[in-house]
Amino acid sequence: MEGQKGKKSLVVGLIVGIIVLAILALIAAAATGAITLGGLSAKDAAVKAEKFINTELLGGQGDAIIKVVGEEGGLYKLEVSYQGQKIDSYMTKDGKFFFPSVYDMASTTAPAAADSPAAAAAEAPKNDKPIVELFVMSYCPYGTQIEKGIIPVVQALGNKIDFKLKFVDYTMHGDKENQENLREYCIDQGQNNKLLGYLSCFLKSGDSTACLKSTGVDEAKVQTCMDSTAKTEQITGTDFSVHQADNQKYGVQGSPTLVINGTTVQSARDSASLLKTICGAFSSAPSECDQKLSTASPSAGFGEGTDSSATDASCE
């Protein structure tokens, strides 16, 4: 499905730079024997690359299809097809090195490093009532982490912001994630005043049944909405298209993705940092922005713990 990012962006999404990736690929290949020395025909190169990508890079969960489409600079040029996306990659003819992409040394413009000023996170434009959109996968440990951090912020700011919980347009944690995404979407649609209470409970225990009961959610209405939405949106497999248009609009590439006033921004996941980030998007910050919230980063996954090590990891 076009618009799926993160995991399905495959080799390009494995990302950090060609040199690092080539080294990682070589180490993995040496350890597993997935790629060996020796001249390879175009057909054998495609077979080797397909095995390596699906088994090693995608942890045995991939179904990428590879074909050799030509040669460039003494390398086989490969077309990697995965879940609707096609990506050009390269392999040495002896099968020793696999490159997700190649940097053109003749180019006068070098790619920006991940921590360079050119790659710095954008600052959200200011608004009288900031629109805060958080894209997650309901079972992504890093999505649950930022949700635990942002709930106190949303409660503190109340109606001073327009908060919207949204979902990445693909799932990675089985059908239970599709179902939970639908459940939370439907609570938000029909019983929005119950959403934060339900989320607070679910993020602690992961027990949706108990949390529906303890927060007084009308389960029958939620189930009707879930059934209708699943049918209307044709939610199957790993596709979760409820917020697909917004995923494409903002270029969402994983869980979590935070969008404020239409701009994707970065923030630490503790409540104090999230409050500061969101309050920076007000035209004039209200007094609620002066509240002191926790500076401890919530633990990833379900539970009530904290994590002393900051992370920007995501489910891609």
Protein backbone atom coordinates (compact mmCIF):
# COMPACT_ATOMS: atom_id res chain seq x y z
CA MET A 1 0.00 0.00 0.00
CA GLU A 2 1.44 3.36 -1.00
CA GLY A 3 2.04 5.60 1.99
CA GLN A 4 3.33 2.90 4.31
CA LYS A 5 6.61 3.95 5.79
CA GLY A 6 9.04 2.85 8.43
CA LYS A 7 9.38 -0.92 8.29
CA LYS A 8 8.24 -1.04 4.70
CA SER A 9 10.64 1.66 3.57
CA LEU A 10 13.05 -1.16 3.98
CA VAL A 11 16.62 -0.55 3.09
CA VAL A 12 16.18 3.19 2.72
CA GLY A 13 14.44 3.22 6.10
CA LEU A 14 17.27 1.18 7.67
CA ILE A 15 19.16 4.41 7.37
CA VAL A 16 22.10 6.13 8.89
CA GLY A 17 24.48 6.26 6.10
CA ILE A 18 25.85 4.03 3.46
CA ILE A 19 29.13 3.30 5.20
CA VAL A 20 27.54 2.27 8.49
CA LEU A 21 24.94 0.15 6.75
CA ALA A 22 27.52 -1.56 4.58
CA ILE A 23 29.53 -2.46 7.66
CA LEU A 24 26.45 -3.78 9.45
CA ALA A 25 25.46 -5.78 6.42
CA LEU A 26 28.92 -7.27 6.16
CA ILE A 27 29.00 -8.20 9.85
CA ALA A 28 25.59 -9.86 9.64
CA ALA A 29 26.52 -11.65 6.46
CA ALA A 30 29.77 -12.92 7.92
CA ALA A 31 27.96 -14.19 11.00
CA THR A 32 25.17 -15.96 9.14
CA GLY A 33 26.66 -16.88 5.81
CA ALA A 34 23.77 -15.09 4.07
CA ILE A 35 26.20 -13.54 1.60
CA THR A 36 29.42 -15.20 0.47
CA LEU A 37 32.39 -14.46 -1.69
CA GLY A 38 32.57 -15.56 -5.29
CA GLY A 39 31.32 -14.22 -8.61
CA LEU A 40 27.55 -14.17 -8.88
CA SER A 41 25.30 -14.14 -11.88
CA ALA A 42 22.56 -11.50 -11.92
CA LYS A 43 20.02 -14.19 -10.98
CA ASP A 44 22.13 -15.47 -8.07
CA ALA A 45 22.74 -11.91 -6.87
CA ALA A 46 19.01 -11.31 -6.68
CA VAL A 47 18.49 -14.56 -4.76
CA LYS A 48 21.28 -13.72 -2.29
CA ALA A 49 20.01 -10.18 -1.74
CA GLU A 50 16.42 -11.35 -1.29
CA LYS A 51 17.46 -13.91 1.31
CA PHE A 52 19.64 -11.40 3.16
CA ILE A 53 17.00 -8.66 3.27
CA ASN A 54 14.10 -10.88 4.29
CA THR A 55 16.02 -13.03 6.75
CA GLU A 56 18.52 -10.63 8.28
CA LEU A 57 17.34 -7.05 7.80
CA LEU A 58 13.66 -7.84 8.29
CA GLY A 59 14.12 -10.52 10.93
CA GLY A 60 12.53 -13.29 8.94
CA GLN A 61 9.28 -11.34 8.67
CA GLY A 62 9.85 -9.79 5.25
CA ASP A 63 8.48 -10.64 1.84
CA ALA A 64 10.62 -8.34 -0.29
CA ILE A 65 11.09 -9.29 -3.92
CA ILE A 66 14.41 -8.46 -5.58
CA LYS A 67 15.43 -8.30 -9.19
CA VAL A 68 18.58 -7.10 -10.90
CA VAL A 69 17.73 -4.27 -13.29
CA GLY A 70 21.19 -3.32 -14.52
CA GLU A 71 24.73 -2.39 -13.60
CA GLU A 72 26.22 0.88 -12.36
CA GLY A 73 29.80 1.59 -11.40
CA GLY A 74 30.74 -2.08 -11.35
CA LEU A 75 27.80 -2.93 -9.05
CA TYR A 76 24.59 -4.81 -9.69
CA LYS A 77 21.66 -2.41 -9.48
CA LEU A 78 18.75 -4.04 -7.67
CA GLU A 79 15.08 -3.15 -7.54
CA VAL A 80 13.71 -3.95 -4.08
CA SER A 81 9.90 -4.27 -4.02
CA TYR A 82 8.26 -4.37 -0.61
CA GLN A 83 4.60 -3.77 0.24
CA GLY A 84 3.95 -1.47 -2.70
CA GLN A 85 7.20 0.45 -2.63
CA LYS A 86 10.15 0.08 -4.99
CA ILE A 87 13.63 1.09 -3.91
CA ASP A 88 16.88 1.03 -5.87
CA SER A 89 19.76 -0.68 -4.07
CA TYR A 90 23.12 -2.11 -5.04
CA MET A 91 25.35 -5.17 -4.52
CA THR A 92 28.94 -5.92 -5.42
CA LYS A 93 29.18 -8.62 -8.06
CA ASP A 94 30.95 -11.00 -5.69
CA GLY A 95 28.03 -10.78 -3.27
CA LYS A 96 30.21 -9.42 -0.48
CA PHE A 97 28.62 -5.99 0.07
CA PHE A 98 25.01 -4.83 -0.06
CA PHE A 99 24.27 -1.10 -0.29
CA PRO A 100 20.81 0.35 0.45
CA SER A 101 21.81 3.34 -1.71
CA VAL A 102 24.92 4.87 -3.22
CA TYR A 103 26.22 8.36 -2.61
CA ASP A 104 27.35 10.07 -5.79
CA MET A 105 30.86 11.35 -5.07
CA ALA A 106 30.56 13.73 -8.03
CA SER A 107 27.76 15.55 -6.28
CA THR A 108 28.67 18.86 -4.66
CA THR A 109 26.00 18.49 -1.99
CA ALA A 110 26.63 15.99 0.77
CA PRO A 111 23.67 14.41 2.59
CA ALA A 112 23.00 15.96 5.99
CA ALA A 113 24.05 13.93 9.01
CA ALA A 114 21.24 12.98 11.36
CA ASP A 115 22.49 15.38 14.04
CA SER A 116 23.55 18.21 11.74
CA PRO A 117 21.80 21.63 11.74
CA ALA A 118 20.38 20.84 8.30
CA ALA A 119 18.62 17.82 9.74
CA ALA A 120 17.45 19.54 12.92
CA ALA A 121 13.84 19.15 13.85
CA ALA A 122 11.50 21.80 12.56
CA GLU A 123 9.93 24.29 14.95
CA ALA A 124 6.15 24.34 14.98
CA PRO A 125 4.48 27.54 13.78
CA LYS A 126 2.58 29.42 16.48
CA ASN A 127 -1.17 29.39 16.92
CA ASP A 128 -3.68 30.72 19.45
CA LYS A 129 -4.86 27.15 20.01
CA PRO A 130 -2.19 24.67 18.93
CA ILE A 131 -3.32 21.55 17.09
CA VAL A 132 -1.39 18.60 18.50
CA GLU A 133 -1.55 15.36 16.52
CA LEU A 134 0.21 12.28 17.88
CA PHE A 135 0.60 9.30 15.54
CA VAL A 136 1.28 5.94 17.21
CA MET A 137 0.85 2.20 16.94
CA SER A 138 -1.06 1.07 20.01
CA TYR A 139 1.37 -1.77 20.80
CA CYS A 140 4.57 0.02 19.83
CA PRO A 141 6.61 0.37 23.06
CA TYR A 142 7.85 3.81 21.99
CA GLY A 143 4.34 4.91 21.07
CA THR A 144 3.10 3.90 24.52
CA GLN A 145 6.09 5.68 26.04
CA ILE A 146 5.24 9.07 24.54
CA GLU A 147 1.54 8.55 25.25
CA LYS A 148 2.35 8.14 28.95
CA GLY A 149 4.36 11.35 28.76
CA ILE A 150 1.79 13.41 26.88
CA ILE A 151 -1.37 12.49 28.83
CA PRO A 152 -0.47 14.73 31.82
CA VAL A 153 0.27 17.53 29.34
CA VAL A 154 -3.10 17.21 27.62
CA GLN A 155 -4.79 17.14 31.02
CA ALA A 156 -2.84 20.20 32.16
CA LEU A 157 -3.59 22.27 29.05
CA GLY A 158 -7.21 21.13 28.68
CA ASN A 159 -9.14 22.98 26.02
CA LYS A 160 -6.26 25.37 25.40
CA ILE A 161 -5.06 22.88 22.77
CA ASP A 162 -6.75 20.66 20.21
CA PHE A 163 -5.29 17.21 20.87
CA LYS A 164 -5.83 14.39 18.38
CA LEU A 165 -4.65 10.81 18.85
CA LYS A 166 -4.05 9.25 15.44
CA PHE A 167 -2.55 6.05 14.10
CA VAL A 168 0.25 5.17 11.72
CA ASP A 169 -1.19 3.72 8.52
CA TYR A 170 0.36 0.28 9.01
CA THR A 171 0.75 -2.05 11.97
CA MET A 172 3.64 -4.22 13.14
CA HIS A 173 2.27 -6.11 16.15
CA GLY A 174 -0.38 -8.42 14.78
CA ASP A 175 -4.16 -8.20 14.57
CA LYS A 176 -4.36 -7.19 18.24
CA GLU A 177 -2.86 -3.85 17.19
CA ASN A 178 -5.44 -3.32 14.46
CA GLN A 179 -8.16 -4.07 17.01
CA GLU A 180 -6.72 -1.80 19.69
CA ASN A 181 -6.18 1.02 17.20
CA LEU A 182 -9.83 0.67 16.20
CA ARG A 183 -10.94 0.55 19.84
CA GLU A 184 -9.12 3.75 20.76
CA TYR A 185 -10.25 5.46 17.57
CA CYS A 186 -13.87 4.59 18.32
CA ILE A 187 -13.66 5.72 21.94
CA ASP A 188 -12.30 9.02 20.68
CA GLN A 189 -15.04 9.33 18.07
CA GLY A 190 -18.03 8.56 20.28
CA GLN A 191 -16.91 9.00 23.88
CA ASN A 192 -14.00 11.41 23.72
CA ASN A 193 -14.31 12.36 27.39
CA LYS A 194 -13.40 8.75 28.27
CA LEU A 195 -10.33 8.48 26.04
CA LEU A 196 -7.61 9.76 28.36
CA GLY A 197 -8.92 7.71 31.27
CA TYR A 198 -9.00 4.59 29.14
CA LEU A 199 -5.52 5.24 27.76
CA SER A 200 -4.07 5.86 31.22
CA CYS A 201 -5.42 2.49 32.33
CA PHE A 202 -4.45 0.60 29.18
CA LEU A 203 -0.90 1.96 29.17
CA LYS A 204 -0.40 0.61 32.68
CA SER A 205 -1.88 -2.84 32.23
CA GLY A 206 -2.38 -3.56 28.54
CA ASP A 207 -5.77 -5.02 29.55
CA SER A 208 -8.38 -3.44 27.28
CA THR A 209 -11.31 -5.42 28.72
CA ALA A 210 -10.65 -4.33 32.29
CA CYS A 211 -9.96 -0.74 31.25
CA LEU A 212 -13.19 -0.43 29.27
CA LYS A 213 -15.10 -1.48 32.38
CA SER A 214 -13.17 0.62 34.89
CA THR A 215 -13.52 3.80 32.85
CA GLY A 216 -17.22 3.34 32.07
CA VAL A 217 -16.87 3.17 28.30
CA ASP A 218 -20.00 2.02 26.47
CA GLU A 219 -18.57 -1.19 25.03
CA ALA A 220 -21.52 -1.90 22.74
CA LYS A 221 -21.17 1.47 21.00
CA VAL A 222 -17.44 0.98 20.66
CA GLN A 223 -17.85 -2.48 19.13
CA THR A 224 -20.43 -1.23 16.64
CA CYS A 225 -18.06 1.54 15.60
CA MET A 226 -15.14 -0.90 15.34
CA ASP A 227 -17.07 -3.28 13.11
CA SER A 228 -18.33 -0.48 10.88
CA THR A 229 -14.93 1.22 10.58
CA ALA A 230 -13.09 -2.03 9.86
CA LYS A 231 -15.52 -2.71 7.01
CA THR A 232 -15.55 0.83 5.63
CA GLU A 233 -11.79 1.24 5.75
CA GLN A 234 -11.15 -2.35 4.61
CA ILE A 235 -8.64 -2.89 7.40
CA THR A 236 -6.77 -6.12 6.73
CA GLY A 237 -3.33 -7.51 7.44
CA THR A 238 -0.90 -4.75 8.30
CA ASP A 239 -2.84 -1.96 6.62
CA PHE A 240 -4.52 0.56 8.93
CA SER A 241 -5.91 3.25 6.69
CA VAL A 242 -8.11 5.27 9.08
CA HIS A 243 -5.66 8.19 9.11
CA GLN A 244 -3.87 7.37 5.88
CA ALA A 245 -4.42 10.80 4.31
CA ASP A 246 -2.81 12.52 7.30
CA ASN A 247 0.06 10.01 7.29
CA GLN A 248 0.77 10.95 3.70
CA LYS A 249 0.28 14.66 4.33
CA TYR A 250 2.86 14.76 7.13
CA GLY A 251 5.17 12.03 5.85
CA VAL A 252 4.67 9.90 8.96
CA GLN A 253 7.40 7.26 9.08
CA GLY A 254 6.85 5.47 12.35
CA SER A 255 5.49 5.42 15.87
CA PRO A 256 5.61 7.89 17.50
CA THR A 257 5.35 10.92 15.24
CA LEU A 258 4.38 14.26 16.81
CA VAL A 259 2.82 16.95 14.63
CA ILE A 260 2.06 20.42 16.00
CA ASN A 261 0.24 23.01 13.92
CA GLY A 262 0.87 20.95 10.80
CA THR A 263 4.63 20.57 11.35
CA THR A 264 6.41 17.38 12.43
CA VAL A 265 8.49 18.13 15.52
CA GLN A 266 10.82 16.28 17.87
CA SER A 267 10.57 16.24 21.66
CA ALA A 268 11.88 14.22 24.55
CA ARG A 269 9.13 11.98 25.91
CA ASP A 270 8.90 13.16 29.50
CA SER A 271 5.92 15.32 30.39
CA ALA A 272 7.96 18.45 31.17
CA SER A 273 9.66 18.38 27.77
CA LEU A 274 6.41 17.73 25.93
CA LEU A 275 4.75 20.61 27.78
CA LYS A 276 7.58 22.92 26.76
CA THR A 277 7.44 21.75 23.14
CA ILE A 278 3.69 22.22 22.85
CA CYS A 279 3.67 25.52 24.73
CA GLY A 280 6.25 26.83 22.29
CA ALA A 281 3.54 26.61 19.63
CA PHE A 282 1.20 29.10 21.32
CA SER A 283 1.01 32.63 19.95
CA SER A 284 0.90 33.64 23.59
CA ALA A 285 1.49 30.88 26.13
CA PRO A 286 -1.26 30.59 28.79
CA SER A 287 -0.57 30.26 32.51
CA GLU A 288 -1.13 26.50 32.25
CA CYS A 289 2.27 26.32 30.57
CA ASP A 290 3.90 27.27 33.89
CA GLN A 291 2.92 24.01 35.53
CA LYS A 292 5.69 21.74 36.79
CA LEU A 293 5.39 18.29 35.30
CA SER A 294 7.61 15.24 35.60
CA THR A 295 11.03 15.37 33.97
CA ALA A 296 11.36 11.57 34.17
CA SER A 297 11.02 9.74 30.89
CA PRO A 298 8.31 7.05 31.05
CA SER A 299 9.42 3.51 30.42
CA ALA A 300 8.80 2.07 26.98
CA GLY A 301 5.97 -0.44 26.74
CA PHE A 302 3.26 -1.06 29.30
CA GLY A 303 3.70 -0.29 32.99
CA GLU A 304 4.30 2.66 35.28
CA GLY A 305 8.09 2.76 35.44
CA THR A 306 10.52 5.40 34.24
CA ASP A 307 13.58 5.19 32.04
CA SER A 308 16.68 7.18 32.95
CA SER A 309 18.11 6.85 29.44
CA ALA A 310 16.60 9.23 26.91
CA THR A 311 15.63 7.64 23.61
CA ASP A 312 14.23 8.69 20.28
CA ALA A 313 13.67 5.11 19.14
CA SER A 314 10.52 4.36 17.18
CA CYS A 315 8.62 1.48 15.59
CA GLU A 316 9.30 1.69 11.88
